[in-house]
Amino acid sequence: MTDSELTKVMMHKLAKIDNQLASLEIVDDLIDTVNEQNDQIERMTQILQAMHIQMNMHHQENINSDDVLLRALIENPSNQHANQSSG
């Protein structure tokens, strides 16, 4: 094998290695992107869970205040009549 042929073979092998390294870099970038997206999904999940808890608390407060109003109307029907007359 001549020096020229040996150089060509070596250049070809180096080009293959370079392509493989470039592919590995792309895979590393993809892994980083997926990890970032997972972190964002986790934060969104935490935010949604907190919002769900808060919404349930507000809903329960609304039910309780409705219950208090209903009991007041049931216990004192004359108030209901007075309120309707003034309104």
Protein backbone atom coordinates (compact mmCIF):
# COMPACT_ATOMS: atom_id res chain seq x y z
CA MET A 1 0.00 0.00 0.00
CA THR A 2 1.43 3.33 -1.01
CA ASP A 3 1.58 6.36 1.23
CA SER A 4 -1.13 7.98 -0.85
CA GLU A 5 -3.48 4.99 -0.46
CA LEU A 6 -2.76 4.78 3.26
CA THR A 7 -3.52 8.49 3.62
CA LYS A 8 -6.82 8.05 1.78
CA VAL A 9 -7.81 5.12 4.04
CA MET A 10 -6.91 7.09 7.14
CA MET A 11 -8.83 10.15 5.93
CA HIS A 12 -11.85 7.97 5.23
CA LYS A 13 -11.70 6.43 8.70
CA LEU A 14 -11.28 9.86 10.29
CA ALA A 15 -14.32 11.11 8.36
CA LYS A 16 -16.36 8.16 9.66
CA ILE A 17 -15.26 8.86 13.24
CA ASP A 18 -16.11 12.55 12.78
CA ASN A 19 -19.61 11.62 11.54
CA GLN A 20 -20.12 9.34 14.52
CA LEU A 21 -19.03 12.09 16.91
CA ALA A 22 -21.42 14.53 15.24
CA SER A 23 -24.23 11.97 15.66
CA LEU A 24 -23.34 11.59 19.34
CA GLU A 25 -23.46 15.37 19.79
CA ILE A 26 -26.92 15.44 18.21
CA VAL A 27 -28.06 12.68 20.57
CA ASP A 28 -26.62 14.58 23.54
CA ASP A 29 -28.50 17.71 22.44
CA LEU A 30 -31.71 15.70 22.12
CA ILE A 31 -31.21 14.23 25.59
CA ASP A 32 -30.71 17.73 27.03
CA THR A 33 -33.86 18.94 25.28
CA VAL A 34 -35.90 16.02 26.58
CA ASN A 35 -34.60 16.57 30.11
CA GLU A 36 -35.53 20.26 29.95
CA GLN A 37 -39.02 19.37 28.70
CA ASN A 38 -39.42 16.85 31.53
CA ASP A 39 -38.48 19.55 34.05
CA GLN A 40 -41.03 21.91 32.50
CA ILE A 41 -43.72 19.23 32.58
CA GLU A 42 -42.96 18.55 36.24
CA ARG A 43 -43.26 22.28 37.09
CA MET A 44 -46.53 22.52 35.16
CA THR A 45 -47.86 19.46 37.00
CA GLN A 46 -47.01 21.06 40.34
CA ILE A 47 -48.71 24.31 39.32
CA LEU A 48 -51.83 22.46 38.13
CA GLN A 49 -51.99 20.46 41.36
CA ALA A 50 -51.75 23.65 43.43
CA MET A 51 -54.46 25.27 41.31
CA HIS A 52 -56.67 22.20 41.72
CA ILE A 53 -56.30 22.31 45.50
CA GLN A 54 -57.05 26.03 45.58
CA MET A 55 -60.09 25.59 43.33
CA ASN A 56 -61.43 22.83 45.59
CA MET A 57 -60.96 25.06 48.64
CA HIS A 58 -62.85 27.93 46.97
CA HIS A 59 -65.58 25.55 45.89
CA GLN A 60 -65.93 24.26 49.46
CA GLU A 61 -66.07 27.85 50.78
CA ASN A 62 -68.85 28.62 48.28
CA ILE A 63 -70.78 25.54 49.36
CA ASN A 64 -70.38 26.52 53.02
CA SER A 65 -71.55 30.10 52.44
CA ASP A 66 -74.52 28.86 50.38
CA ASP A 67 -75.36 26.48 53.21
CA VAL A 68 -75.21 29.32 55.77
CA LEU A 69 -77.50 31.50 53.63
CA LEU A 70 -79.95 28.66 53.08
CA ARG A 71 -80.07 27.86 56.80
CA ALA A 72 -80.65 31.55 57.61
CA LEU A 73 -83.56 31.64 55.18
CA ILE A 74 -85.03 28.41 56.51
CA GLU A 75 -84.68 29.47 60.16
CA ASN A 76 -86.14 32.95 59.62
CA PRO A 77 -88.63 32.96 56.73
CA SER A 78 -89.85 36.46 57.70
CA ASN A 79 -86.41 37.79 56.67
CA GLN A 80 -86.93 36.28 53.24
CA HIS A 81 -90.31 37.98 52.89
CA ALA A 82 -88.90 41.30 54.08
CA ASN A 83 -86.01 41.06 51.65
CA GLN A 84 -88.33 40.31 48.73
CA SER A 85 -90.58 43.26 49.63
CA SER A 86 -87.70 45.72 49.79
CA GLY A 87 -86.14 44.44 46.55
